[in-house]
Amino acid sequence: MELKGDIILTEAAKEHFQKQAQGYAGVRLSILGGKGCGGSEYDFALVAADQVRTGDDYIDLGNGVRMFVDPTDSIKLFGTNIDLIKDKVGNTRLELTNPNELGQCGCGKSVTF
């Protein structure tokens, strides 16, 4: 099922994933449990065409690239904004703003739901 508007990506984030996923079906956004002091971490992984799962939710990122999300993770990701941030010295990072988080660890790498 297409997640239209459930997860919002900026144009910079879409372009980033389009470049990263060249030659792939897309990228998978997952929530990994048992990680870090917050208990969960976000994970992005490239997905080949034969790794697309029946029942995956997805977001069409354009240029034939999709972001795949397991339906059980879609609930925790509803309303999330994903942006690619570039700082003053040229470093880039993905920033997820998820209204469903109850907290983050001190370093910001893991979250609590």
N, C-alpha and C. Protein backbone atom coordinates (compact mmCIF):
# COMPACT_ATOMS: atom_id res chain seq x y z
N MET A 1 0.84 -1.17 0.00
CA MET A 1 0.00 0.00 0.00
C MET A 1 0.89 1.24 0.00
N GLU A 2 0.54 2.21 -0.80
CA GLU A 2 1.34 3.44 -0.84
C GLU A 2 1.00 4.32 0.35
N LEU A 3 2.03 4.79 1.01
CA LEU A 3 1.90 5.66 2.18
C LEU A 3 1.92 7.12 1.73
N LYS A 4 0.85 7.59 1.17
CA LYS A 4 0.80 8.97 0.67
C LYS A 4 0.61 9.92 1.85
N GLY A 5 1.63 10.69 2.14
CA GLY A 5 1.55 11.70 3.19
C GLY A 5 1.75 11.17 4.60
N ASP A 6 1.84 9.85 4.78
CA ASP A 6 2.04 9.30 6.12
C ASP A 6 3.45 9.57 6.63
N ILE A 7 4.41 9.50 5.71
CA ILE A 7 5.81 9.83 5.99
C ILE A 7 6.19 10.89 4.96
N ILE A 8 6.71 12.00 5.40
CA ILE A 8 7.01 13.13 4.51
C ILE A 8 8.52 13.25 4.35
N LEU A 9 8.96 13.27 3.10
CA LEU A 9 10.38 13.45 2.79
C LEU A 9 10.56 14.78 2.07
N THR A 10 11.61 15.52 2.45
CA THR A 10 11.94 16.74 1.73
C THR A 10 12.52 16.36 0.37
N GLU A 11 12.58 17.31 -0.52
CA GLU A 11 13.17 17.06 -1.84
C GLU A 11 14.63 16.64 -1.70
N ALA A 12 15.35 17.24 -0.75
CA ALA A 12 16.75 16.88 -0.54
C ALA A 12 16.87 15.41 -0.12
N ALA A 13 15.98 14.95 0.75
CA ALA A 13 16.00 13.55 1.19
C ALA A 13 15.65 12.62 0.03
N LYS A 14 14.66 12.98 -0.76
CA LYS A 14 14.28 12.16 -1.92
C LYS A 14 15.45 12.02 -2.88
N GLU A 15 16.11 13.14 -3.19
CA GLU A 15 17.25 13.12 -4.11
C GLU A 15 18.38 12.25 -3.55
N HIS A 16 18.60 12.34 -2.25
CA HIS A 16 19.64 11.52 -1.60
C HIS A 16 19.35 10.04 -1.80
N PHE A 17 18.13 9.62 -1.53
CA PHE A 17 17.78 8.21 -1.66
C PHE A 17 17.77 7.77 -3.12
N GLN A 18 17.37 8.64 -4.04
CA GLN A 18 17.41 8.30 -5.46
C GLN A 18 18.84 8.00 -5.90
N LYS A 19 19.79 8.81 -5.44
CA LYS A 19 21.21 8.59 -5.79
C LYS A 19 21.73 7.31 -5.15
N GLN A 20 21.41 7.10 -3.87
CA GLN A 20 21.91 5.93 -3.16
C GLN A 20 21.35 4.63 -3.73
N ALA A 21 20.12 4.67 -4.25
CA ALA A 21 19.43 3.45 -4.68
C ALA A 21 19.55 3.17 -6.17
N GLN A 22 20.44 3.86 -6.87
CA GLN A 22 20.61 3.58 -8.29
C GLN A 22 20.96 2.10 -8.48
N GLY A 23 20.20 1.43 -9.35
CA GLY A 23 20.42 0.01 -9.59
C GLY A 23 19.67 -0.90 -8.63
N TYR A 24 18.93 -0.32 -7.71
CA TYR A 24 18.14 -1.06 -6.74
C TYR A 24 16.67 -0.70 -6.90
N ALA A 25 15.80 -1.49 -6.28
CA ALA A 25 14.36 -1.18 -6.27
C ALA A 25 14.08 -0.01 -5.35
N GLY A 26 14.94 0.18 -4.37
CA GLY A 26 14.74 1.27 -3.44
C GLY A 26 15.52 1.07 -2.16
N VAL A 27 14.96 1.62 -1.10
CA VAL A 27 15.57 1.57 0.22
C VAL A 27 14.49 1.18 1.23
N ARG A 28 14.89 0.41 2.23
CA ARG A 28 13.94 0.01 3.27
C ARG A 28 14.22 0.80 4.54
N LEU A 29 13.17 1.41 5.09
CA LEU A 29 13.24 2.08 6.38
C LEU A 29 12.64 1.12 7.40
N SER A 30 13.43 0.77 8.40
CA SER A 30 12.98 -0.15 9.45
C SER A 30 13.24 0.45 10.82
N ILE A 31 12.51 -0.05 11.79
CA ILE A 31 12.78 0.25 13.18
C ILE A 31 13.31 -1.03 13.81
N LEU A 32 14.55 -0.99 14.25
CA LEU A 32 15.19 -2.15 14.85
C LEU A 32 15.05 -2.07 16.37
N GLY A 33 14.50 -3.10 16.96
CA GLY A 33 14.33 -3.16 18.41
C GLY A 33 15.59 -3.70 19.08
N GLY A 34 15.71 -3.45 20.37
CA GLY A 34 16.84 -3.95 21.14
C GLY A 34 18.14 -3.26 20.81
N LYS A 35 18.06 -2.02 20.38
CA LYS A 35 19.26 -1.28 19.95
C LYS A 35 19.45 -0.03 20.81
N GLY A 36 20.66 0.22 21.20
CA GLY A 36 21.01 1.45 21.90
C GLY A 36 20.31 1.59 23.24
N CYS A 37 20.62 2.65 23.94
CA CYS A 37 20.04 2.85 25.26
C CYS A 37 18.58 3.28 25.20
N GLY A 38 18.12 3.77 24.01
CA GLY A 38 16.73 4.14 23.86
C GLY A 38 15.84 2.95 23.56
N GLY A 39 16.43 1.86 23.08
CA GLY A 39 15.67 0.65 22.83
C GLY A 39 15.39 0.35 21.36
N SER A 40 15.37 1.37 20.49
CA SER A 40 15.10 1.17 19.06
C SER A 40 15.96 2.12 18.24
N GLU A 41 16.27 1.70 17.02
CA GLU A 41 17.01 2.56 16.09
C GLU A 41 16.36 2.51 14.72
N TYR A 42 16.48 3.60 14.00
CA TYR A 42 16.05 3.64 12.60
C TYR A 42 17.16 3.04 11.74
N ASP A 43 16.76 2.30 10.72
CA ASP A 43 17.74 1.67 9.85
C ASP A 43 17.30 1.86 8.40
N PHE A 44 18.25 2.22 7.55
CA PHE A 44 18.02 2.33 6.11
C PHE A 44 18.89 1.29 5.42
N ALA A 45 18.30 0.50 4.54
CA ALA A 45 19.04 -0.53 3.81
C ALA A 45 18.58 -0.54 2.36
N LEU A 46 19.54 -0.72 1.44
CA LEU A 46 19.19 -0.83 0.03
C LEU A 46 18.44 -2.13 -0.22
N VAL A 47 17.48 -2.09 -1.15
CA VAL A 47 16.61 -3.23 -1.44
C VAL A 47 16.70 -3.57 -2.92
N ALA A 48 17.15 -4.79 -3.22
CA ALA A 48 17.13 -5.29 -4.60
C ALA A 48 15.69 -5.71 -4.95
N ALA A 49 15.40 -5.80 -6.23
CA ALA A 49 14.05 -6.13 -6.68
C ALA A 49 13.55 -7.44 -6.07
N ASP A 50 14.42 -8.42 -5.91
CA ASP A 50 13.99 -9.72 -5.37
C ASP A 50 13.85 -9.70 -3.84
N GLN A 51 14.15 -8.56 -3.20
CA GLN A 51 14.00 -8.44 -1.75
C GLN A 51 12.74 -7.69 -1.35
N VAL A 52 11.97 -7.23 -2.33
CA VAL A 52 10.71 -6.56 -2.04
C VAL A 52 9.75 -7.61 -1.50
N ARG A 53 9.13 -7.32 -0.36
CA ARG A 53 8.23 -8.27 0.28
C ARG A 53 6.78 -7.98 -0.09
N THR A 54 6.01 -9.05 -0.31
CA THR A 54 4.58 -8.90 -0.52
C THR A 54 3.99 -8.25 0.73
N GLY A 55 3.20 -7.24 0.56
CA GLY A 55 2.59 -6.56 1.70
C GLY A 55 3.37 -5.37 2.20
N ASP A 56 4.57 -5.13 1.65
CA ASP A 56 5.33 -3.94 2.06
C ASP A 56 4.52 -2.68 1.77
N ASP A 57 4.54 -1.76 2.71
CA ASP A 57 4.07 -0.41 2.42
C ASP A 57 5.21 0.29 1.69
N TYR A 58 4.91 1.35 0.95
CA TYR A 58 5.98 2.04 0.24
C TYR A 58 5.64 3.50 0.00
N ILE A 59 6.68 4.26 -0.29
CA ILE A 59 6.57 5.66 -0.70
C ILE A 59 7.30 5.76 -2.03
N ASP A 60 6.64 6.32 -3.02
CA ASP A 60 7.28 6.52 -4.33
C ASP A 60 8.14 7.77 -4.24
N LEU A 61 9.46 7.59 -4.39
CA LEU A 61 10.40 8.70 -4.29
C LEU A 61 10.72 9.33 -5.64
N GLY A 62 10.19 8.76 -6.71
CA GLY A 62 10.46 9.25 -8.05
C GLY A 62 11.63 8.53 -8.69
N ASN A 63 11.73 8.65 -10.00
CA ASN A 63 12.81 8.01 -10.78
C ASN A 63 12.87 6.50 -10.57
N GLY A 64 11.72 5.88 -10.33
CA GLY A 64 11.66 4.43 -10.17
C GLY A 64 12.14 3.91 -8.84
N VAL A 65 12.35 4.79 -7.87
CA VAL A 65 12.86 4.40 -6.55
C VAL A 65 11.72 4.50 -5.54
N ARG A 66 11.65 3.49 -4.67
CA ARG A 66 10.65 3.48 -3.60
C ARG A 66 11.34 3.31 -2.25
N MET A 67 10.68 3.84 -1.23
CA MET A 67 11.09 3.57 0.14
C MET A 67 10.08 2.54 0.66
N PHE A 68 10.58 1.37 1.06
CA PHE A 68 9.73 0.31 1.55
C PHE A 68 9.71 0.32 3.08
N VAL A 69 8.52 0.04 3.63
CA VAL A 69 8.33 0.04 5.07
C VAL A 69 7.47 -1.15 5.43
N ASP A 70 7.91 -1.93 6.41
CA ASP A 70 7.09 -3.03 6.90
C ASP A 70 5.83 -2.43 7.53
N PRO A 71 4.65 -3.02 7.27
CA PRO A 71 3.41 -2.46 7.83
C PRO A 71 3.42 -2.32 9.35
N THR A 72 4.14 -3.19 10.06
CA THR A 72 4.19 -3.06 11.53
C THR A 72 5.00 -1.83 11.95
N ASP A 73 5.94 -1.40 11.13
CA ASP A 73 6.72 -0.19 11.42
C ASP A 73 5.98 1.07 10.97
N SER A 74 5.10 0.94 9.98
CA SER A 74 4.38 2.10 9.44
C SER A 74 3.61 2.84 10.53
N ILE A 75 3.06 2.10 11.47
CA ILE A 75 2.27 2.71 12.55
C ILE A 75 3.14 3.64 13.38
N LYS A 76 4.35 3.19 13.73
CA LYS A 76 5.26 4.01 14.54
C LYS A 76 5.86 5.16 13.74
N LEU A 77 5.81 5.08 12.41
CA LEU A 77 6.41 6.12 11.57
C LEU A 77 5.40 7.13 11.05
N PHE A 78 4.12 6.95 11.37
CA PHE A 78 3.08 7.86 10.88
C PHE A 78 3.38 9.28 11.33
N GLY A 79 3.42 10.20 10.39
CA GLY A 79 3.68 11.61 10.69
C GLY A 79 5.14 12.00 10.72
N THR A 80 6.04 11.06 10.40
CA THR A 80 7.47 11.32 10.44
C THR A 80 7.91 12.18 9.26
N ASN A 81 8.77 13.13 9.53
CA ASN A 81 9.41 13.95 8.50
C ASN A 81 10.87 13.52 8.38
N ILE A 82 11.33 13.32 7.14
CA ILE A 82 12.72 12.95 6.89
C ILE A 82 13.35 14.04 6.04
N ASP A 83 14.48 14.55 6.50
CA ASP A 83 15.19 15.61 5.80
C ASP A 83 16.67 15.26 5.73
N LEU A 84 17.33 15.76 4.71
CA LEU A 84 18.79 15.65 4.59
C LEU A 84 19.35 17.00 4.99
N ILE A 85 20.10 17.03 6.06
CA ILE A 85 20.64 18.27 6.61
C ILE A 85 22.11 18.39 6.23
N LYS A 86 22.50 19.56 5.77
CA LYS A 86 23.90 19.84 5.46
C LYS A 86 24.36 20.97 6.37
N ASP A 87 25.44 20.71 7.14
CA ASP A 87 25.91 21.75 8.05
C ASP A 87 26.88 22.71 7.36
N LYS A 88 27.38 23.67 8.10
CA LYS A 88 28.22 24.73 7.52
C LYS A 88 29.55 24.24 6.98
N VAL A 89 30.02 23.09 7.44
CA VAL A 89 31.30 22.57 6.94
C VAL A 89 31.11 21.49 5.87
N GLY A 90 29.86 21.27 5.45
CA GLY A 90 29.59 20.35 4.35
C GLY A 90 29.21 18.93 4.74
N ASN A 91 29.12 18.64 6.03
CA ASN A 91 28.70 17.31 6.47
C ASN A 91 27.19 17.17 6.27
N THR A 92 26.76 15.99 5.85
CA THR A 92 25.33 15.74 5.68
C THR A 92 24.89 14.60 6.59
N ARG A 93 23.62 14.67 7.00
CA ARG A 93 23.03 13.61 7.81
C ARG A 93 21.52 13.61 7.58
N LEU A 94 20.94 12.44 7.76
CA LEU A 94 19.49 12.33 7.69
C LEU A 94 18.90 12.67 9.06
N GLU A 95 17.87 13.47 9.05
CA GLU A 95 17.21 13.84 10.29
C GLU A 95 15.76 13.38 10.23
N LEU A 96 15.37 12.54 11.17
CA LEU A 96 14.00 12.07 11.28
C LEU A 96 13.33 12.76 12.45
N THR A 97 12.19 13.37 12.20
CA THR A 97 11.39 13.99 13.24
C THR A 97 10.10 13.19 13.32
N ASN A 98 10.00 12.39 14.37
CA ASN A 98 8.89 11.46 14.51
C ASN A 98 8.06 11.84 15.74
N PRO A 99 6.80 12.25 15.53
CA PRO A 99 5.96 12.66 16.66
C PRO A 99 5.57 11.49 17.58
N ASN A 100 5.85 10.26 17.16
CA ASN A 100 5.49 9.09 17.95
C ASN A 100 6.57 8.67 18.94
N GLU A 101 7.73 9.29 18.88
CA GLU A 101 8.80 8.97 19.82
C GLU A 101 8.44 9.47 21.21
N LEU A 102 8.76 8.67 22.21
CA LEU A 102 8.57 9.10 23.59
C LEU A 102 9.84 9.72 24.14
N GLY A 103 10.98 9.41 23.50
CA GLY A 103 12.25 9.96 23.95
C GLY A 103 13.39 9.48 23.08
N GLN A 104 14.56 10.10 23.27
CA GLN A 104 15.78 9.72 22.57
C GLN A 104 16.89 9.57 23.60
N CYS A 105 17.90 8.77 23.23
CA CYS A 105 19.07 8.67 24.11
C CYS A 105 19.87 9.97 23.99
N GLY A 106 20.86 10.12 24.82
CA GLY A 106 21.65 11.34 24.84
C GLY A 106 22.36 11.66 23.55
N CYS A 107 22.82 10.64 22.82
CA CYS A 107 23.54 10.90 21.57
C CYS A 107 22.59 11.02 20.38
N GLY A 108 21.31 10.71 20.57
CA GLY A 108 20.33 10.85 19.50
C GLY A 108 20.28 9.71 18.52
N LYS A 109 21.02 8.63 18.76
CA LYS A 109 21.07 7.51 17.83
C LYS A 109 19.93 6.52 18.06
N SER A 110 19.45 6.41 19.28
CA SER A 110 18.37 5.47 19.53
C SER A 110 17.18 6.21 20.14
N VAL A 111 16.00 5.59 19.97
CA VAL A 111 14.75 6.23 20.38
C VAL A 111 13.89 5.25 21.19
N THR A 112 12.93 5.82 21.90
CA THR A 112 11.97 5.05 22.66
C THR A 112 10.58 5.32 22.12
N PHE A 113 9.79 4.26 21.98
CA PHE A 113 8.39 4.39 21.55
C PHE A 113 7.48 4.00 22.67
